Amino acid sequence: MTLKWQEFPGAPVSGTEICQLGDIPEQGVLSIMLGEFPLLVLKHLNVVRVFVNACPHQFLPLDLRSDSILSTDGLRLICSNHQAEFRILDGTSTSGPAKGCRLAEVSTHITTDRLIVTAQSLNIH
């Protein structure tokens, strides 16, 4: 099952600051909490993506058992619980028990030096 990020309990409102741009690693994943709302922030080819840190297989945080959730090629997030794999470009599951699902991507925009939640829904088909 795939939920939209706004459907998760505690979803942040539009205008909420996620982090400063300088906090996002060039390679790697930033796992942060906005209150009780878990997020994964990553940058790939200068594009910042933000996903809810909840595997659609059992809604556990991808990094629950290990912080090493980015594949060695940097193109997939790997759930540390059951090894479900997700493309970082769109959150689509490519293998494992979440196949056919996707990570919920959070709509954001960038100000001068901050990453901000926006109310706009992402149209992903």
N, C-alpha and C. Protein backbone atom coordinates (compact mmCIF):
# COMPACT_ATOMS: atom_id res chain seq x y z
N MET A 1 0.84 -1.18 0.00
CA MET A 1 0.00 0.00 0.00
C MET A 1 0.88 1.24 0.00
N THR A 2 0.55 2.21 -0.81
CA THR A 2 1.30 3.45 -0.88
C THR A 2 0.39 4.60 -0.45
N LEU A 3 0.85 5.34 0.54
CA LEU A 3 0.12 6.51 1.00
C LEU A 3 0.77 7.77 0.46
N LYS A 4 -0.01 8.82 0.30
CA LYS A 4 0.56 10.14 0.02
C LYS A 4 1.11 10.67 1.33
N TRP A 5 2.14 11.49 1.25
CA TRP A 5 2.79 11.94 2.48
C TRP A 5 1.84 12.70 3.39
N GLN A 6 0.84 13.38 2.83
CA GLN A 6 -0.10 14.14 3.64
C GLN A 6 -1.03 13.23 4.45
N GLU A 7 -1.12 11.95 4.08
CA GLU A 7 -1.99 11.00 4.76
C GLU A 7 -1.36 10.38 6.01
N PHE A 8 -0.06 10.59 6.21
CA PHE A 8 0.61 10.05 7.39
C PHE A 8 0.29 10.91 8.61
N PRO A 9 0.11 10.28 9.76
CA PRO A 9 -0.11 11.06 10.99
C PRO A 9 1.05 12.01 11.26
N GLY A 10 0.74 13.22 11.64
CA GLY A 10 1.78 14.19 11.98
C GLY A 10 2.45 14.84 10.80
N ALA A 11 1.89 14.70 9.60
CA ALA A 11 2.51 15.29 8.40
C ALA A 11 2.68 16.79 8.60
N PRO A 12 3.82 17.34 8.20
CA PRO A 12 4.06 18.77 8.38
C PRO A 12 3.19 19.61 7.46
N VAL A 13 2.92 20.83 7.89
CA VAL A 13 2.13 21.76 7.08
C VAL A 13 3.04 22.49 6.11
N SER A 14 2.43 23.03 5.08
CA SER A 14 3.17 23.81 4.10
C SER A 14 3.88 24.96 4.80
N GLY A 15 5.12 25.19 4.41
CA GLY A 15 5.91 26.25 5.01
C GLY A 15 6.85 25.78 6.11
N THR A 16 6.73 24.52 6.51
CA THR A 16 7.60 23.98 7.54
C THR A 16 9.02 23.81 7.00
N GLU A 17 10.00 24.31 7.72
CA GLU A 17 11.39 24.13 7.31
C GLU A 17 11.83 22.71 7.65
N ILE A 18 12.42 22.05 6.67
CA ILE A 18 12.96 20.70 6.87
C ILE A 18 14.38 20.78 7.38
N CYS A 19 15.21 21.53 6.66
CA CYS A 19 16.61 21.66 7.05
C CYS A 19 17.25 22.78 6.24
N GLN A 20 18.48 23.09 6.58
CA GLN A 20 19.29 24.01 5.79
C GLN A 20 19.91 23.20 4.65
N LEU A 21 20.08 23.81 3.51
CA LEU A 21 20.65 23.08 2.37
C LEU A 21 22.03 22.51 2.68
N GLY A 22 22.80 23.23 3.48
CA GLY A 22 24.13 22.77 3.84
C GLY A 22 24.13 21.51 4.69
N ASP A 23 22.99 21.15 5.26
CA ASP A 23 22.88 19.93 6.07
C ASP A 23 22.76 18.67 5.22
N ILE A 24 22.41 18.83 3.95
CA ILE A 24 22.16 17.68 3.08
C ILE A 24 23.49 17.18 2.50
N PRO A 25 23.82 15.92 2.74
CA PRO A 25 25.11 15.42 2.22
C PRO A 25 25.09 15.32 0.70
N GLU A 26 26.25 15.52 0.11
CA GLU A 26 26.38 15.38 -1.34
C GLU A 26 26.17 13.93 -1.75
N GLN A 27 26.62 13.01 -0.94
CA GLN A 27 26.38 11.59 -1.15
C GLN A 27 25.98 11.01 0.20
N GLY A 28 24.85 10.41 0.24
CA GLY A 28 24.35 9.86 1.49
C GLY A 28 22.93 10.31 1.74
N VAL A 29 22.44 9.99 2.91
CA VAL A 29 21.05 10.26 3.27
C VAL A 29 21.03 10.96 4.62
N LEU A 30 20.23 12.01 4.70
CA LEU A 30 20.00 12.69 5.97
C LEU A 30 18.66 12.20 6.52
N SER A 31 18.71 11.54 7.67
CA SER A 31 17.50 11.05 8.32
C SER A 31 17.17 12.03 9.44
N ILE A 32 15.99 12.65 9.36
CA ILE A 32 15.63 13.65 10.36
C ILE A 32 14.18 13.45 10.80
N MET A 33 13.87 14.03 11.94
CA MET A 33 12.50 14.03 12.46
C MET A 33 12.01 15.47 12.49
N LEU A 34 10.82 15.69 11.93
CA LEU A 34 10.13 16.96 12.08
C LEU A 34 9.07 16.72 13.14
N GLY A 35 9.39 16.99 14.38
CA GLY A 35 8.50 16.59 15.46
C GLY A 35 8.51 15.08 15.53
N GLU A 36 7.36 14.46 15.26
CA GLU A 36 7.25 13.00 15.24
C GLU A 36 7.20 12.45 13.82
N PHE A 37 7.50 13.29 12.82
CA PHE A 37 7.37 12.90 11.42
C PHE A 37 8.75 12.57 10.85
N PRO A 38 9.00 11.30 10.47
CA PRO A 38 10.33 10.89 10.01
C PRO A 38 10.54 11.14 8.51
N LEU A 39 11.69 11.73 8.18
CA LEU A 39 12.00 12.05 6.78
C LEU A 39 13.39 11.55 6.40
N LEU A 40 13.53 11.23 5.11
CA LEU A 40 14.82 10.95 4.50
C LEU A 40 15.06 12.02 3.44
N VAL A 41 16.18 12.71 3.54
CA VAL A 41 16.53 13.78 2.60
C VAL A 41 17.81 13.37 1.89
N LEU A 42 17.80 13.45 0.56
CA LEU A 42 19.00 13.11 -0.18
C LEU A 42 19.12 13.98 -1.42
N LYS A 43 20.34 14.03 -1.91
CA LYS A 43 20.64 14.82 -3.11
C LYS A 43 21.29 13.89 -4.13
N HIS A 44 20.79 13.97 -5.37
CA HIS A 44 21.36 13.17 -6.46
C HIS A 44 21.38 14.03 -7.70
N LEU A 45 22.56 14.23 -8.29
CA LEU A 45 22.72 15.07 -9.47
C LEU A 45 22.12 16.46 -9.23
N ASN A 46 22.39 17.02 -8.05
CA ASN A 46 21.93 18.34 -7.63
C ASN A 46 20.42 18.47 -7.49
N VAL A 47 19.70 17.36 -7.46
CA VAL A 47 18.26 17.37 -7.21
C VAL A 47 18.02 16.83 -5.81
N VAL A 48 17.31 17.62 -4.99
CA VAL A 48 17.01 17.19 -3.63
C VAL A 48 15.67 16.47 -3.63
N ARG A 49 15.64 15.33 -2.97
CA ARG A 49 14.41 14.55 -2.82
C ARG A 49 14.18 14.30 -1.34
N VAL A 50 12.90 14.30 -0.96
CA VAL A 50 12.53 14.05 0.43
C VAL A 50 11.44 12.98 0.43
N PHE A 51 11.68 11.92 1.19
CA PHE A 51 10.70 10.84 1.32
C PHE A 51 10.33 10.67 2.78
N VAL A 52 9.09 10.23 3.01
CA VAL A 52 8.71 9.82 4.36
C VAL A 52 9.53 8.57 4.68
N ASN A 53 10.12 8.55 5.86
CA ASN A 53 10.95 7.42 6.26
C ASN A 53 10.06 6.31 6.80
N ALA A 54 9.33 5.68 5.88
CA ALA A 54 8.43 4.58 6.23
C ALA A 54 8.32 3.65 5.03
N CYS A 55 8.83 2.44 5.20
CA CYS A 55 8.74 1.44 4.14
C CYS A 55 7.27 1.04 3.98
N PRO A 56 6.73 1.09 2.78
CA PRO A 56 5.32 0.74 2.59
C PRO A 56 5.00 -0.73 2.85
N HIS A 57 6.02 -1.54 3.06
CA HIS A 57 5.81 -2.96 3.36
C HIS A 57 5.19 -3.13 4.75
N GLN A 58 5.79 -2.49 5.77
CA GLN A 58 5.27 -2.59 7.14
C GLN A 58 5.29 -1.25 7.86
N PHE A 59 5.58 -0.19 7.13
CA PHE A 59 5.62 1.18 7.66
C PHE A 59 6.63 1.35 8.79
N LEU A 60 7.71 0.59 8.72
CA LEU A 60 8.83 0.78 9.63
C LEU A 60 9.81 1.73 8.98
N PRO A 61 10.57 2.52 9.78
CA PRO A 61 11.61 3.38 9.19
C PRO A 61 12.63 2.53 8.43
N LEU A 62 13.03 3.02 7.26
CA LEU A 62 14.01 2.28 6.48
C LEU A 62 15.31 2.09 7.25
N ASP A 63 15.67 3.05 8.08
CA ASP A 63 16.94 3.01 8.80
C ASP A 63 16.79 2.52 10.24
N LEU A 64 15.74 1.76 10.53
CA LEU A 64 15.50 1.28 11.89
C LEU A 64 16.65 0.41 12.41
N ARG A 65 17.16 -0.48 11.56
CA ARG A 65 18.20 -1.43 11.99
C ARG A 65 19.61 -1.03 11.57
N SER A 66 19.71 -0.08 10.65
CA SER A 66 21.03 0.35 10.18
C SER A 66 20.91 1.72 9.52
N ASP A 67 21.94 2.54 9.71
CA ASP A 67 22.00 3.84 9.04
C ASP A 67 22.45 3.71 7.58
N SER A 68 22.98 2.57 7.21
CA SER A 68 23.50 2.35 5.85
C SER A 68 22.36 1.88 4.94
N ILE A 69 21.58 2.82 4.44
CA ILE A 69 20.43 2.45 3.61
C ILE A 69 20.57 2.87 2.15
N LEU A 70 21.67 3.54 1.81
CA LEU A 70 21.91 3.92 0.42
C LEU A 70 22.78 2.85 -0.23
N SER A 71 22.35 2.37 -1.40
CA SER A 71 23.11 1.33 -2.11
C SER A 71 24.50 1.85 -2.45
N THR A 72 25.41 0.94 -2.71
CA THR A 72 26.78 1.34 -3.02
C THR A 72 26.87 2.17 -4.30
N ASP A 73 25.95 1.97 -5.24
CA ASP A 73 25.95 2.79 -6.45
C ASP A 73 25.22 4.12 -6.25
N GLY A 74 24.60 4.31 -5.08
CA GLY A 74 23.93 5.57 -4.76
C GLY A 74 22.61 5.78 -5.47
N LEU A 75 22.04 4.73 -6.05
CA LEU A 75 20.81 4.89 -6.83
C LEU A 75 19.57 4.31 -6.18
N ARG A 76 19.75 3.59 -5.05
CA ARG A 76 18.62 2.94 -4.40
C ARG A 76 18.69 3.12 -2.89
N LEU A 77 17.53 3.23 -2.27
CA LEU A 77 17.42 3.16 -0.83
C LEU A 77 17.04 1.72 -0.49
N ILE A 78 17.68 1.15 0.52
CA ILE A 78 17.44 -0.24 0.89
C ILE A 78 16.93 -0.28 2.33
N CYS A 79 15.74 -0.80 2.51
CA CYS A 79 15.16 -0.90 3.84
C CYS A 79 16.00 -1.86 4.68
N SER A 80 16.40 -1.40 5.86
CA SER A 80 17.25 -2.23 6.72
C SER A 80 16.47 -3.34 7.41
N ASN A 81 15.16 -3.33 7.31
CA ASN A 81 14.33 -4.34 7.97
C ASN A 81 14.14 -5.59 7.13
N HIS A 82 13.76 -5.42 5.85
CA HIS A 82 13.48 -6.56 4.99
C HIS A 82 14.10 -6.44 3.60
N GLN A 83 15.03 -5.52 3.45
CA GLN A 83 15.81 -5.32 2.22
C GLN A 83 14.98 -4.95 0.99
N ALA A 84 13.81 -4.36 1.17
CA ALA A 84 13.09 -3.81 0.03
C ALA A 84 13.94 -2.68 -0.55
N GLU A 85 13.96 -2.56 -1.87
CA GLU A 85 14.78 -1.55 -2.54
C GLU A 85 13.90 -0.56 -3.29
N PHE A 86 14.31 0.72 -3.24
CA PHE A 86 13.53 1.80 -3.84
C PHE A 86 14.45 2.72 -4.64
N ARG A 87 14.03 3.07 -5.85
CA ARG A 87 14.80 4.02 -6.67
C ARG A 87 14.78 5.39 -6.00
N ILE A 88 15.93 6.05 -5.93
CA ILE A 88 15.95 7.38 -5.32
C ILE A 88 15.34 8.44 -6.24
N LEU A 89 15.20 8.13 -7.52
CA LEU A 89 14.64 9.10 -8.45
C LEU A 89 13.15 9.32 -8.25
N ASP A 90 12.43 8.28 -7.79
CA ASP A 90 10.97 8.43 -7.63
C ASP A 90 10.39 7.60 -6.49
N GLY A 91 11.23 6.87 -5.76
CA GLY A 91 10.76 6.09 -4.63
C GLY A 91 10.10 4.77 -4.98
N THR A 92 10.08 4.40 -6.26
CA THR A 92 9.44 3.16 -6.69
C THR A 92 10.24 1.95 -6.22
N SER A 93 9.54 0.96 -5.67
CA SER A 93 10.19 -0.26 -5.23
C SER A 93 10.62 -1.08 -6.44
N THR A 94 11.85 -1.58 -6.38
CA THR A 94 12.37 -2.38 -7.48
C THR A 94 12.52 -3.85 -7.11
N SER A 95 12.55 -4.14 -5.80
CA SER A 95 12.64 -5.54 -5.38
C SER A 95 12.30 -5.64 -3.90
N GLY A 96 12.09 -6.88 -3.48
CA GLY A 96 11.79 -7.13 -2.08
C GLY A 96 10.31 -7.12 -1.79
N PRO A 97 9.93 -7.20 -0.52
CA PRO A 97 8.53 -7.36 -0.14
C PRO A 97 7.64 -6.13 -0.41
N ALA A 98 8.22 -5.01 -0.77
CA ALA A 98 7.41 -3.82 -1.07
C ALA A 98 7.24 -3.61 -2.57
N LYS A 99 7.62 -4.62 -3.37
CA LYS A 99 7.52 -4.48 -4.83
C LYS A 99 6.10 -4.09 -5.24
N GLY A 100 6.02 -3.11 -6.12
CA GLY A 100 4.72 -2.60 -6.55
C GLY A 100 4.28 -1.38 -5.76
N CYS A 101 5.02 -1.05 -4.71
CA CYS A 101 4.71 0.13 -3.90
C CYS A 101 5.79 1.18 -4.13
N ARG A 102 5.62 2.32 -3.50
CA ARG A 102 6.63 3.36 -3.59
C ARG A 102 6.69 4.11 -2.28
N LEU A 103 7.85 4.72 -2.04
CA LEU A 103 8.00 5.60 -0.89
C LEU A 103 7.18 6.86 -1.15
N ALA A 104 6.65 7.44 -0.10
CA ALA A 104 5.88 8.68 -0.23
C ALA A 104 6.86 9.85 -0.31
N GLU A 105 6.86 10.55 -1.45
CA GLU A 105 7.75 11.70 -1.64
C GLU A 105 7.05 12.96 -1.17
N VAL A 106 7.76 13.75 -0.39
CA VAL A 106 7.23 14.98 0.18
C VAL A 106 7.49 16.14 -0.77
N SER A 107 6.47 16.95 -1.02
CA SER A 107 6.60 18.13 -1.87
C SER A 107 7.41 19.20 -1.14
N THR A 108 8.42 19.72 -1.82
CA THR A 108 9.28 20.74 -1.21
C THR A 108 9.63 21.83 -2.21
N HIS A 109 10.15 22.93 -1.68
CA HIS A 109 10.79 23.93 -2.51
C HIS A 109 12.00 24.45 -1.76
N ILE A 110 12.89 25.08 -2.49
CA ILE A 110 14.14 25.57 -1.92
C ILE A 110 14.11 27.08 -1.91
N THR A 111 14.43 27.66 -0.75
CA THR A 111 14.65 29.09 -0.66
C THR A 111 16.15 29.29 -0.80
N THR A 112 16.64 30.44 -0.48
CA THR A 112 18.06 30.73 -0.63
C THR A 112 18.94 29.67 0.00
N ASP A 113 18.61 29.25 1.22
CA ASP A 113 19.47 28.29 1.90
C ASP A 113 18.70 27.26 2.72
N ARG A 114 17.40 27.12 2.45
CA ARG A 114 16.57 26.21 3.25
C ARG A 114 15.68 25.34 2.37
N LEU A 115 15.37 24.17 2.89
CA LEU A 115 14.45 23.24 2.23
C LEU A 115 13.13 23.32 2.99
N ILE A 116 12.04 23.62 2.28
CA ILE A 116 10.75 23.91 2.89
C ILE A 116 9.69 22.97 2.32
N VAL A 117 8.78 22.50 3.18
CA VAL A 117 7.62 21.71 2.75
C VAL A 117 6.66 22.63 2.00
N THR A 118 6.12 22.13 0.90
CA THR A 118 5.10 22.87 0.16
C THR A 118 3.84 22.02 0.08
N ALA A 119 2.69 22.66 -0.03
CA ALA A 119 1.42 21.94 -0.04
C ALA A 119 1.17 21.23 -1.36
N GLN A 120 1.87 21.61 -2.38
CA GLN A 120 1.67 21.04 -3.72
C GLN A 120 1.93 19.54 -3.69
N SER A 121 1.01 18.77 -4.24
CA SER A 121 1.21 17.32 -4.36
C SER A 121 2.05 17.03 -5.58
N LEU A 122 2.86 15.99 -5.47
CA LEU A 122 3.66 15.56 -6.61
C LEU A 122 2.83 14.63 -7.47
N ASN A 123 2.83 14.86 -8.76
CA ASN A 123 2.10 13.99 -9.68
C ASN A 123 3.05 12.92 -10.19
N ILE A 124 2.99 11.77 -9.55
CA ILE A 124 3.83 10.64 -9.95
C ILE A 124 2.91 9.53 -10.41
N HIS A 125 3.15 9.02 -11.58
CA HIS A 125 2.29 7.97 -12.12
C HIS A 125 3.02 6.66 -12.14
